């Protein structure tokens, strides 16, 4: 678990392998409420979970006991499964619909450097309020609407619109004139 928290992708695979029966049970439970026409089976959901877990770069320190660590991992996995199912259930056209940043990051390299710059900006935004980062991630990376974000966060659509407008304006300032992170808003 310590290696996984440090971002070791191989450790993610070992955890999935060691806890596979519990993960598959969680997957079955999560899928019971899904539409009967759903194209995934519990095994596919666990496989998708494994791919998501491999992306984890680092997590904060965990619990002291091994049992608490196992419980935390299973809870985290259940949360990721829920997000994976929600994303998969969205119509393909909705999944492809997302907010994007302008491709004109003047003075930065394409690819990894731009991603690091965006991640750094999101970290600074999160220092203002973690809700702001969450709204940006849900809107930009998952393509959710304001109402969907409100439902996911347990907030009012008006609050989400206010957080989105603040975050969008903050990002525009952060990337400065000529480097504006144009995140078109659908208030």
Foldseek 3Di string as FASTA:
>chain_A
DQVLQQLPLVVLVVLCVVCVVVQLVLLQVLCVPPDPPQPDHSVVLSVVLSVVSNPDNHDDDFDDDPVRVNVVVSVVSSVVSNVVVVLSPDPPVQQPDAWFFDPQLPPFDPDPRVVVVVVVLLVVVVVVPVVLSVLNCCRHVRVDALVVSCVVVVHDSVVSLVSPVVSQVSQQPVSNVRRGGDGDDPD
